[in-house]
Protein backbone atom coordinates (compact mmCIF):
# COMPACT_ATOMS: atom_id res chain seq x y z
CA MET A 1 0.00 0.00 0.00
CA GLN A 2 2.81 2.39 0.95
CA ASP A 3 4.57 1.57 -2.30
CA ILE A 4 1.43 2.51 -4.27
CA LEU A 5 1.08 5.81 -2.39
CA ARG A 6 4.75 6.65 -2.99
CA ARG A 7 4.39 6.02 -6.71
CA PHE A 8 1.23 8.15 -6.80
CA ALA A 9 3.04 11.01 -5.05
CA ILE A 10 5.96 10.84 -7.49
CA ALA A 11 3.60 10.85 -10.47
CA ALA A 12 1.69 13.83 -9.04
CA ALA A 13 4.95 15.74 -8.50
CA ILE A 14 6.04 15.05 -12.08
CA ILE A 15 2.70 16.24 -13.42
CA ALA A 16 2.90 19.42 -11.29
CA VAL A 17 6.43 20.21 -12.48
CA ALA A 18 5.47 19.60 -16.10
CA THR A 19 2.39 21.77 -15.76
CA GLY A 20 4.41 24.58 -14.18
CA ALA A 21 7.01 24.32 -16.92
CA ILE A 22 4.36 24.57 -19.63
CA TYR A 23 2.94 27.63 -17.90
CA MET A 24 6.34 29.31 -17.55
CA LEU A 25 7.26 28.63 -21.19
CA HIS A 26 4.01 29.55 -22.87
CA PHE A 27 1.57 31.52 -20.75
CA LYS A 28 3.37 33.46 -18.02
CA SER A 29 2.58 37.18 -18.09
CA ASP A 30 1.82 39.95 -15.62
CA ASN A 31 -1.92 39.61 -16.30
CA TYR A 32 -2.16 35.82 -16.22
CA SER A 33 -1.17 33.83 -13.13
CA PHE A 34 -0.56 30.15 -12.52
CA PHE A 35 -3.87 29.88 -10.71
CA ASP A 36 -5.69 31.26 -13.76
CA PHE A 37 -4.00 28.52 -15.74
CA ILE A 38 -5.10 25.82 -13.22
CA LYS A 39 -8.68 27.12 -13.30
CA GLY A 40 -8.68 26.62 -17.07
CA GLU A 41 -9.03 30.30 -17.97
CA ALA A 42 -7.65 31.24 -21.36
CA PRO A 43 -4.63 33.57 -21.40
CA PRO A 44 -5.23 37.15 -22.60
CA ARG A 45 -4.72 37.66 -26.30
CA PHE A 46 -1.90 39.97 -27.45
CA GLU A 47 -3.20 43.18 -28.92
CA SER A 48 -0.90 44.32 -31.75
CA GLU A 49 0.50 47.87 -31.49
CA ALA A 50 -0.32 50.49 -34.02
CA PHE A 51 2.87 51.73 -35.69
CA THR A 52 4.02 53.59 -38.76
CA LEU A 53 7.66 53.28 -39.77
CA ALA A 54 9.45 56.19 -41.40
CA PRO A 55 9.12 55.66 -45.17
CA PHE A 56 11.99 57.90 -46.27
CA PRO A 57 15.53 58.74 -45.12
CA ALA A 58 16.09 62.07 -43.43
CA MET A 59 18.07 63.26 -46.46
CA GLN A 60 18.05 62.30 -50.12
CA SER A 61 21.23 62.01 -52.17
CA SER A 62 20.20 65.17 -54.01
CA ASP A 63 20.19 67.00 -50.67
CA VAL A 64 23.80 66.05 -49.90
CA PRO A 65 25.41 65.56 -53.31
CA ILE A 66 28.97 66.18 -52.09
CA LEU A 67 28.68 63.72 -49.20
CA ASP A 68 26.98 61.20 -51.45
CA ALA A 69 29.77 61.46 -53.99
CA LEU A 70 32.39 61.22 -51.23
CA ASN A 71 30.70 58.11 -49.86
CA GLN A 72 30.75 56.44 -53.28
CA GLU A 73 34.38 57.41 -53.88
CA ILE A 74 35.46 55.93 -50.53
CA ALA A 75 33.65 52.68 -51.36
CA LYS A 76 35.34 52.62 -54.78
CA LEU A 77 38.74 53.26 -53.20
CA THR A 78 38.23 50.52 -50.62
CA SER A 79 37.28 47.91 -53.21
CA ALA A 80 40.35 48.83 -55.27
CA VAL A 81 42.94 48.51 -52.52
CA THR A 82 41.72 45.67 -50.28
CA PRO A 83 42.74 42.86 -52.71
CA ALA A 84 46.37 43.84 -52.09
CA VAL A 85 46.06 43.69 -48.30
CA VAL A 86 46.92 40.35 -46.73
CA SER A 87 46.52 38.69 -43.36
CA ILE A 88 49.75 37.19 -42.03
CA GLU A 89 49.57 34.11 -39.80
CA THR A 90 52.77 33.22 -37.97
CA SER A 91 53.78 30.52 -35.50
CA THR A 92 56.90 28.99 -34.02
CA GLU A 93 57.86 25.32 -34.14
CA ILE A 94 57.72 23.61 -30.75
CA ASN A 95 60.49 21.21 -29.79
CA LEU A 96 58.84 17.96 -28.67
CA PRO A 97 60.44 14.65 -27.64
CA SER A 98 61.40 12.61 -30.69
CA TYR A 99 59.26 9.56 -31.43
CA ALA A 100 59.71 7.04 -34.17
CA GLY A 101 57.39 6.77 -37.13
CA ALA A 102 54.76 9.15 -38.50
CA LEU A 103 54.10 10.82 -35.14
CA ASN A 104 57.40 12.67 -35.41
CA ARG A 105 55.95 15.67 -37.26
CA PRO A 106 56.59 19.42 -36.74
CA ARG A 107 54.29 20.94 -34.15
CA TYR A 108 53.61 24.65 -33.97
CA GLY A 109 52.65 26.89 -31.08
CA GLU A 110 50.04 29.61 -30.75
CA LEU A 111 49.02 31.44 -33.92
CA ASP A 112 49.91 35.15 -34.12
CA LEU A 113 48.25 37.52 -36.56
CA GLY A 114 49.43 40.56 -38.46
CA SER A 115 48.88 42.35 -41.73
CA GLY A 116 50.83 43.20 -44.84
CA VAL A 117 50.51 44.76 -48.27
CA ILE A 118 51.49 43.29 -51.64
CA VAL A 119 53.84 45.69 -53.46
CA SER A 120 54.78 43.63 -56.54
CA SER A 121 52.83 41.52 -59.02
CA GLU A 122 55.19 38.63 -58.17
CA GLY A 123 53.89 38.59 -54.59
CA HIS A 124 56.40 40.58 -52.50
CA VAL A 125 54.78 41.71 -49.26
CA LEU A 126 55.76 44.62 -47.01
CA THR A 127 55.07 44.21 -43.29
CA ASN A 128 56.58 45.01 -39.89
CA TYR A 129 59.69 43.24 -38.67
CA HIS A 130 58.05 42.59 -35.30
CA VAL A 131 55.19 40.70 -37.01
CA VAL A 132 57.53 37.97 -38.30
CA LYS A 133 60.44 38.17 -35.85
CA GLY A 134 61.51 34.71 -34.67
CA LYS A 135 58.72 32.89 -36.54
CA SER A 136 59.43 29.56 -38.22
CA ARG A 137 56.18 29.28 -40.19
CA ILE A 138 54.63 32.19 -42.09
CA ARG A 139 51.45 31.98 -44.11
CA VAL A 140 49.69 34.74 -46.05
CA LYS A 141 45.94 34.86 -46.52
CA LEU A 142 44.24 36.91 -49.23
CA SER A 143 40.98 36.88 -51.12
CA ASP A 144 40.61 35.61 -54.69
CA ALA A 145 38.41 37.11 -57.41
CA GLN A 146 35.39 35.27 -56.00
CA GLY A 147 35.96 36.61 -52.50
CA ARG A 148 37.19 33.27 -51.13
CA SER A 149 40.14 33.20 -48.73
CA VAL A 150 43.31 31.58 -50.11
CA LEU A 151 46.26 30.64 -47.89
CA TYR A 152 49.83 30.69 -49.24
CA PRO A 153 53.12 29.85 -47.55
CA ALA A 154 55.60 32.73 -47.46
CA ILE A 155 59.30 33.23 -46.73
CA ILE A 156 61.27 36.21 -45.40
CA ILE A 157 63.41 37.79 -48.13
CA GLY A 158 65.01 40.27 -45.73
CA SER A 159 64.29 42.58 -42.81
CA THR A 160 65.60 45.47 -40.78
CA GLN A 161 64.89 45.73 -37.08
CA ASN A 162 66.02 49.37 -36.99
CA LEU A 163 63.24 50.44 -39.37
CA ASP A 164 60.79 47.70 -38.26
CA ILE A 165 60.35 46.57 -41.87
CA ALA A 166 60.32 43.05 -43.34
CA VAL A 167 59.82 41.87 -46.92
CA LEU A 168 58.11 38.52 -47.55
CA LYS A 169 57.68 36.53 -50.76
CA ILE A 170 54.48 34.56 -51.36
CA GLN A 171 55.40 31.04 -52.46
CA SER A 172 53.42 30.83 -55.68
CA GLU A 173 54.02 30.70 -59.44
CA ARG A 174 51.56 33.55 -59.92
CA THR A 175 52.80 36.82 -61.39
CA ASP A 176 49.45 38.63 -61.37
CA PHE A 177 48.99 39.55 -57.73
CA THR A 178 47.21 42.87 -57.13
CA ALA A 179 49.85 45.29 -55.86
CA LEU A 180 49.75 48.83 -54.46
CA LYS A 181 52.13 51.64 -55.33
CA LEU A 182 54.26 53.24 -52.63
CA GLY A 183 53.45 56.97 -52.50
CA ASP A 184 55.66 59.94 -51.59
CA SER A 185 55.23 60.39 -47.84
CA ASP A 186 57.35 63.57 -47.92
CA ARG A 187 54.47 65.34 -49.66
CA LEU A 188 51.98 64.62 -46.89
CA ASN A 189 50.35 67.42 -44.95
CA VAL A 190 48.70 67.34 -41.55
CA GLY A 191 44.94 66.94 -41.96
CA GLU A 192 44.98 64.79 -45.11
CA MET A 193 42.44 61.95 -45.21
CA VAL A 194 43.91 58.46 -44.88
CA PHE A 195 42.66 54.89 -44.47
CA ALA A 196 44.23 52.16 -42.34
CA ILE A 197 43.60 48.69 -43.76
CA GLY A 198 44.42 45.41 -42.10
CA ASN A 199 43.15 42.43 -40.17
CA PRO A 200 42.65 43.48 -36.53
CA TYR A 201 41.78 40.54 -34.28
CA GLY A 202 41.74 38.35 -37.42
CA LEU A 203 38.89 40.32 -39.03
CA GLN A 204 40.08 40.32 -42.63
CA GLU A 205 40.11 43.47 -44.79
CA THR A 206 39.00 45.89 -42.07
CA VAL A 207 39.10 49.56 -43.13
CA THR A 208 39.23 52.53 -40.76
CA GLN A 209 39.29 56.19 -41.71
CA GLY A 210 41.11 59.14 -40.20
CA ASN A 211 43.56 61.93 -40.89
CA ILE A 212 47.26 62.60 -40.68
CA SER A 213 47.53 64.06 -37.17
CA ALA A 214 51.26 64.86 -37.11
CA LEU A 215 54.48 64.28 -39.01
CA ASP A 216 58.01 63.46 -37.87
CA ARG A 217 57.12 61.86 -34.54
CA ARG A 218 60.61 60.99 -33.18
CA ILE A 219 63.68 61.93 -35.05
CA SER A 220 67.16 60.51 -34.78
CA ASP A 221 69.31 58.61 -37.27
CA GLY A 222 69.04 55.51 -35.05
CA GLY A 223 65.55 54.39 -36.08
CA PRO A 224 62.40 55.22 -38.01
CA THR A 225 60.33 58.36 -37.94
CA TYR A 226 56.58 57.95 -37.61
CA LEU A 227 53.45 59.44 -39.09
CA GLN A 228 50.72 59.96 -36.50
CA THR A 229 47.19 59.19 -37.61
CA SER A 230 43.71 59.28 -36.12
CA ALA A 231 42.67 56.25 -38.19
CA PRO A 232 42.18 53.52 -35.55
CA ILE A 233 44.94 50.89 -35.54
CA ASN A 234 44.20 47.77 -33.50
CA PRO A 235 46.10 44.56 -32.67
CA GLY A 236 46.55 42.64 -35.92
CA ASN A 237 46.74 45.86 -38.00
CA SER A 238 50.54 45.95 -37.69
CA GLY A 239 52.16 45.76 -41.11
CA GLY A 240 49.05 46.80 -43.02
CA PRO A 241 49.01 49.84 -45.30
CA LEU A 242 48.00 53.40 -44.54
CA VAL A 243 46.70 54.66 -47.89
CA ASN A 244 45.79 58.08 -49.24
CA ILE A 245 42.75 58.99 -51.35
CA TYR A 246 44.57 57.79 -54.48
CA GLY A 247 45.11 54.29 -53.11
CA GLU A 248 48.85 54.84 -52.67
CA VAL A 249 50.60 53.38 -49.64
CA ILE A 250 51.90 56.37 -47.68
CA GLY A 251 52.71 54.44 -44.50
CA ILE A 252 53.02 51.00 -42.93
CA ASN A 253 50.87 50.76 -39.80
CA SER A 254 53.13 49.97 -36.89
CA ILE A 255 52.03 50.86 -33.38
CA VAL A 256 49.16 52.21 -31.35
CA VAL A 257 49.14 54.08 -28.06
CA ARG A 258 47.29 52.32 -25.27
CA GLY A 259 46.53 53.92 -21.93
CA THR A 260 44.55 52.67 -18.97
CA GLY A 261 41.60 53.90 -16.93
CA LYS A 262 40.70 57.54 -17.43
CA GLN A 263 43.85 58.06 -19.46
CA ALA A 264 42.99 55.42 -22.07
CA ALA A 265 44.29 56.62 -25.43
CA GLN A 266 42.01 56.61 -28.43
CA GLY A 267 42.69 57.53 -32.02
CA ILE A 268 46.48 57.67 -31.69
CA GLY A 269 48.26 55.37 -34.11
CA PHE A 270 51.65 55.50 -35.80
CA ALA A 271 52.87 54.40 -39.22
CA ILE A 272 56.30 54.14 -40.80
CA PRO A 273 56.48 56.62 -43.73
CA ALA A 274 56.33 55.04 -47.17
CA ASN A 275 59.60 56.66 -48.23
CA ASP A 276 61.43 54.93 -45.38
CA ALA A 277 59.72 51.65 -46.23
CA SER A 278 60.61 52.11 -49.90
CA VAL A 279 64.32 52.55 -49.10
CA ALA A 280 64.25 49.36 -47.02
CA LEU A 281 62.29 47.46 -49.71
CA GLN A 282 64.66 48.32 -52.54
CA ALA A 283 67.75 47.58 -50.47
CA ILE A 284 66.37 44.22 -49.34
CA LEU A 285 65.39 43.19 -52.88
CA GLU A 286 68.75 44.30 -54.30
CA LYS A 287 71.15 43.38 -51.48
CA GLY A 288 69.22 41.22 -49.03
CA ALA A 289 69.27 43.87 -46.30
CA PRO A 290 69.25 47.67 -46.05
CA VAL A 291 72.63 49.33 -45.65
CA LEU A 292 71.83 52.60 -43.90
CA GLY A 293 74.18 55.34 -42.77
CA TYR A 294 74.54 56.38 -39.13
CA VAL A 295 76.34 59.28 -37.43
CA GLY A 296 74.77 59.16 -33.94
CA LEU A 297 72.53 62.21 -33.64
CA ALA A 298 69.05 62.85 -32.26
CA PHE A 299 67.48 66.12 -33.34
CA SER A 300 64.31 68.19 -33.28
CA ASP A 301 62.95 71.54 -34.45
CA ILE A 302 64.82 74.59 -33.19
CA PRO A 303 63.16 75.63 -29.88
CA ALA A 304 61.31 78.93 -29.76
CA GLU A 305 63.69 80.38 -27.17
CA ILE A 306 66.66 79.70 -29.49
CA ARG A 307 64.87 81.27 -32.44
CA ALA A 308 64.10 84.31 -30.29
CA ARG A 309 67.82 84.70 -29.56
CA TYR A 310 68.93 83.90 -33.13
CA PRO A 311 66.10 84.97 -35.51
CA ASP A 312 68.11 83.84 -38.56
CA ALA A 313 68.71 80.31 -37.15
CA LYS A 314 68.34 77.55 -39.73
CA GLY A 315 68.45 73.77 -39.67
CA VAL A 316 67.62 71.50 -36.74
CA PHE A 317 68.44 71.44 -33.03
CA ILE A 318 70.68 68.59 -31.87
CA ASP A 319 69.14 67.06 -28.73
CA GLN A 320 71.66 64.29 -28.21
CA VAL A 321 74.99 62.99 -29.47
CA PHE A 322 75.28 59.24 -28.89
CA ALA A 323 78.33 57.97 -27.03
CA GLY A 324 81.08 56.57 -29.26
CA SER A 325 79.32 57.74 -32.43
CA PRO A 326 80.96 59.41 -35.44
CA ALA A 327 79.33 62.70 -34.41
CA GLU A 328 80.83 62.53 -30.91
CA LYS A 329 84.27 61.63 -32.29
CA ALA A 330 84.11 64.60 -34.66
CA GLY A 331 83.26 67.01 -31.84
CA ILE A 332 79.59 67.80 -32.45
CA GLN A 333 77.77 68.58 -29.21
CA ALA A 334 74.21 68.52 -27.95
CA HIS A 335 72.45 71.89 -28.43
CA ASP A 336 74.40 72.63 -31.61
CA MET A 337 72.25 73.60 -34.58
CA ALA A 338 72.96 71.48 -37.69
CA MET A 339 72.65 73.72 -40.77
CA THR A 340 74.07 71.70 -43.68
CA PHE A 341 74.87 68.06 -44.44
CA ASN A 342 77.51 67.48 -47.11
CA GLY A 343 76.76 70.82 -48.71
CA GLU A 344 72.97 70.43 -48.70
CA GLU A 345 71.03 72.94 -46.59
CA ILE A 346 68.96 71.25 -43.89
CA GLN A 347 65.29 72.21 -44.12
CA SER A 348 63.67 69.67 -41.77
CA LYS A 349 64.30 66.84 -39.31
CA ARG A 350 62.95 64.29 -41.74
CA GLN A 351 65.26 65.50 -44.50
CA LEU A 352 68.37 65.19 -42.30
CA ALA A 353 67.42 61.67 -41.16
CA ARG A 354 66.99 60.59 -44.76
CA LEU A 355 70.24 62.22 -45.88
CA ILE A 356 72.11 60.30 -43.19
CA HIS A 357 70.40 56.98 -43.93
CA HIS A 358 71.04 57.29 -47.68
CA THR A 359 74.77 57.88 -47.22
CA GLU A 360 76.90 54.77 -47.77
CA PRO A 361 78.77 53.57 -44.66
CA GLY A 362 82.44 54.47 -44.94
CA ALA A 363 81.79 57.77 -46.71
CA LYS A 364 83.15 61.02 -45.31
CA VAL A 365 80.64 63.84 -44.89
CA GLU A 366 80.78 67.45 -43.72
CA ILE A 367 78.27 68.81 -41.23
CA ILE A 368 78.16 72.55 -40.56
CA THR A 369 76.68 73.59 -37.22
CA ARG A 370 76.09 76.73 -35.24
CA ARG A 371 77.16 76.79 -31.59
CA ARG A 372 76.28 79.89 -29.52
CA GLY A 373 76.45 82.03 -32.64
CA GLU A 374 79.68 80.52 -33.99
CA VAL A 375 79.62 78.56 -37.25
CA MET A 376 81.65 75.31 -37.04
CA LYS A 377 82.55 72.59 -39.58
CA PHE A 378 82.99 68.88 -38.79
CA MET A 379 84.12 65.93 -40.92
CA LEU A 380 82.55 62.58 -40.02
CA ASP A 381 83.08 58.97 -41.10
CA VAL A 382 79.61 57.52 -41.65
CA GLU A 383 79.03 54.11 -40.07
CA SER A 384 76.41 51.42 -40.68
CA LEU A 385 73.19 51.66 -38.70
CA ALA A 386 72.99 47.85 -38.54
CA ASP A 387 76.17 47.77 -36.44
CA GLN A 388 74.90 50.12 -33.75
CA GLY A 389 73.74 49.44 -30.24
CA VAL A 390 73.04 53.08 -29.54
CA VAL A 391 74.00 53.98 -25.98
CA SER A 392 74.62 57.24 -24.21
CA GLU A 393 76.04 57.30 -20.71
CA ARG A 394 76.97 60.11 -18.39
CA PRO A 395 78.21 58.61 -15.14
CA ASP A 396 78.17 61.95 -13.34
CA ASP A 397 74.41 62.21 -13.88
CA GLU A 398 73.19 58.76 -12.88
CA SER A 399 71.48 59.30 -9.55
CA SER A 400 67.92 57.97 -9.45
CA GLU A 401 67.07 60.13 -6.44
CA LEU A 402 65.06 63.32 -6.82
CA PRO A 403 67.33 66.37 -7.18
CA GLN A 404 68.35 68.13 -4.00
CA SER A 405 69.22 71.34 -5.82
CA GLY A 406 66.80 73.65 -7.59
CA SER A 407 63.78 75.45 -6.19
CA LYS A 408 61.48 73.89 -3.61
CA VAL A 409 58.62 74.35 -6.09
CA ASP A 410 60.44 72.18 -8.67
CA ARG A 411 61.30 69.50 -6.12
CA ASP A 412 57.72 69.42 -4.83
CA PHE A 413 56.37 69.13 -8.38
CA LEU A 414 58.68 66.22 -9.24
CA ARG A 415 57.69 64.48 -6.01
CA HIS A 416 53.99 65.01 -6.82
CA PHE A 417 54.48 63.89 -10.44
CA GLY A 418 55.75 60.72 -8.84
CA VAL A 419 57.79 59.00 -11.57
CA GLN A 420 61.20 58.03 -10.17
CA VAL A 421 63.70 56.76 -12.73
CA GLY A 422 67.13 55.19 -12.72
CA PRO A 423 69.97 55.01 -15.24
CA LEU A 424 70.67 52.44 -17.90
CA PHE A 425 74.09 51.00 -18.47
CA THR A 426 76.33 50.04 -21.38
CA GLY A 427 74.64 47.62 -23.75
CA SER A 428 71.17 48.96 -22.95
CA PRO A 429 69.01 51.21 -25.14
CA SER A 430 69.29 54.92 -24.53
CA GLY A 431 66.87 56.26 -21.94
CA VAL A 432 65.99 55.75 -18.27
CA LYS A 433 64.19 52.97 -16.42
CA VAL A 434 61.13 53.61 -14.25
CA GLU A 435 61.87 52.41 -10.71
CA SER A 436 58.67 53.50 -8.96
CA VAL A 437 55.44 55.41 -9.60
CA ARG A 438 53.47 57.30 -6.96
CA LYS A 439 50.03 55.77 -6.47
CA GLY A 440 47.10 58.09 -7.08
CA GLY A 441 48.95 60.38 -9.47
CA LYS A 442 47.99 60.94 -13.11
CA ALA A 443 51.21 59.36 -14.28
CA ALA A 444 50.33 56.13 -12.48
CA LEU A 445 47.52 55.58 -15.00
CA LEU A 446 50.00 55.41 -17.87
CA VAL A 447 53.46 54.59 -16.51
CA GLN A 448 54.53 51.30 -14.91
CA PRO A 449 57.65 50.29 -12.98
CA GLY A 450 60.03 48.62 -15.40
CA ASP A 451 59.09 50.86 -18.34
CA PHE A 452 61.91 52.44 -20.35
CA ILE A 453 61.38 56.15 -21.03
CA THR A 454 63.40 57.31 -24.02
CA ALA A 455 62.08 60.85 -24.57
CA VAL A 456 59.99 63.60 -23.01
CA ASN A 457 58.15 65.95 -25.40
CA ASP A 458 60.29 64.59 -28.27
CA THR A 459 63.52 65.44 -26.40
CA VAL A 460 65.69 62.33 -26.15
CA ILE A 461 66.86 61.67 -22.57
CA THR A 462 69.75 59.57 -21.31
CA THR A 463 69.94 60.17 -17.53
CA PRO A 464 67.58 60.70 -14.58
CA ALA A 465 68.67 64.34 -14.31
CA GLU A 466 67.81 64.95 -17.97
CA PHE A 467 64.43 63.30 -17.37
CA ASN A 468 63.67 65.57 -14.40
CA ARG A 469 64.66 68.68 -16.33
CA ALA A 470 62.53 67.64 -19.31
CA VAL A 471 59.51 66.99 -17.06
CA LEU A 472 59.88 70.46 -15.53
CA ARG A 473 60.01 71.99 -19.02
CA GLY A 474 56.89 70.02 -19.90
CA ARG A 475 55.15 71.42 -16.83
CA ASP A 476 55.93 74.93 -18.04
CA GLN A 477 54.69 74.03 -21.55
CA GLN A 478 51.46 72.59 -20.04
CA ILE A 479 51.95 69.14 -21.55
CA ILE A 480 54.19 66.19 -20.70
CA GLU A 481 54.45 63.54 -23.43
CA LEU A 482 56.50 60.46 -22.54
CA ARG A 483 57.86 58.02 -25.13
CA ILE A 484 57.87 54.60 -23.43
CA MET A 485 59.20 51.22 -24.47
CA ARG A 486 57.26 48.39 -22.80
CA SER A 487 57.75 44.74 -23.76
CA GLY A 488 59.10 45.74 -27.14
CA ARG A 489 56.20 48.11 -27.92
CA LEU A 490 56.42 51.89 -28.27
CA ILE A 491 53.81 53.69 -26.18
CA ARG A 492 53.21 57.43 -26.02
CA ALA A 493 51.74 58.68 -22.76
CA VAL A 494 50.32 62.20 -22.83
CA ILE A 495 49.77 63.87 -19.44
CA GLU A 496 47.98 67.23 -19.35
CA PRO A 497 47.13 69.70 -16.55
CA PRO A 498 46.17 69.50 -13.80
CA PHE A 499 49.27 67.42 -13.11
């Protein structure tokens, strides 16, 4: 009897659960309860809403003919250039224990993604050096005429770490690849419309639009200059092209600024100018690697206070002379003004960097400078950039402590700014290392212990004292922009008042 009652109770519970489930799935509403369902009352019927959707757009093409034409032109441009943009998949072979038989096959680690652009009909691809550095397997993905993705193996023809450029060759018999022309990046102006194309996060043929925000971001003869753009550049975009309205490659997308918290950076990306990439490309295809000149200078525009003192000043302002460099051996000093290079008048930072890079190592060149009003001539033996580990040391200026001299206002500001740095030593890159950051300060949102700071407001620094002086100048200029190297990536941290 008890067994029968137990079975009846279980069956009743199952029926109740099933009934409740049916109610929850089909009939539950604010106006219809479970008890209404049990009593057998029908659920309320849904009354459709009256609605009228807008039948026309807010504007017709005839109302905005210029914008309509611009929209069509951008779409036409995009369809013309995207076939030459490739996704680059890279991986590294993993060393596993050797086993006999067919199991002993190459195994590859995690897949990394980047972008590139085809620059020859034979399938030569320009990309960033850091995209393919240390990779044992490289594959290139592009779309065919039917829009289907095709994967090709690729090899590295040559690369240059100094310029962050690599040239790949697609392994195919084809000689009809769609290629893009390298434009003249020297003719760019701030404000021009540009498009960054690549494969961020593996999303193939992604196009973002922006403008040229600034030119000549970082100048020395020890590495590339950069174009700054507002076109968003995301992870996976590295190596892809920055194109102008004519579909010419005017830059190779390279890096993006990332901040954190309230200081998160948006719309700040950097690209290697096409002219620099073109020099590297031709040298790699002809010689296997670029052979670039080096004299050991970092330079910037002539500061306003110098121009006020010398209204007729021409050329560029030398921020730093690297230790052991040809420039140091010849006697050139920081704060000289370089006016001519081998007889050619210096008009801009970019021009001087290119003149140096295009000079064959071993050549003798003359640089004319101005030092405190006195014109001076120097003869230098140009060296190869590839041989340089650029270092600048000043042992008398290595203290990582805050300065004890100077005004109390300056010392208090540096303490409040809260970035304490220490020196680097021989064999390290030029700059200073962040030892500690004050919690709660603005800088703490962007700067981390262990970062390497190489410049402040485009002034190259080599010692803690130089860093402190540059920060104080930035305070007076109402902006402090730090150039940071973190885990091999260049980051620009902009700190504005209130500090």
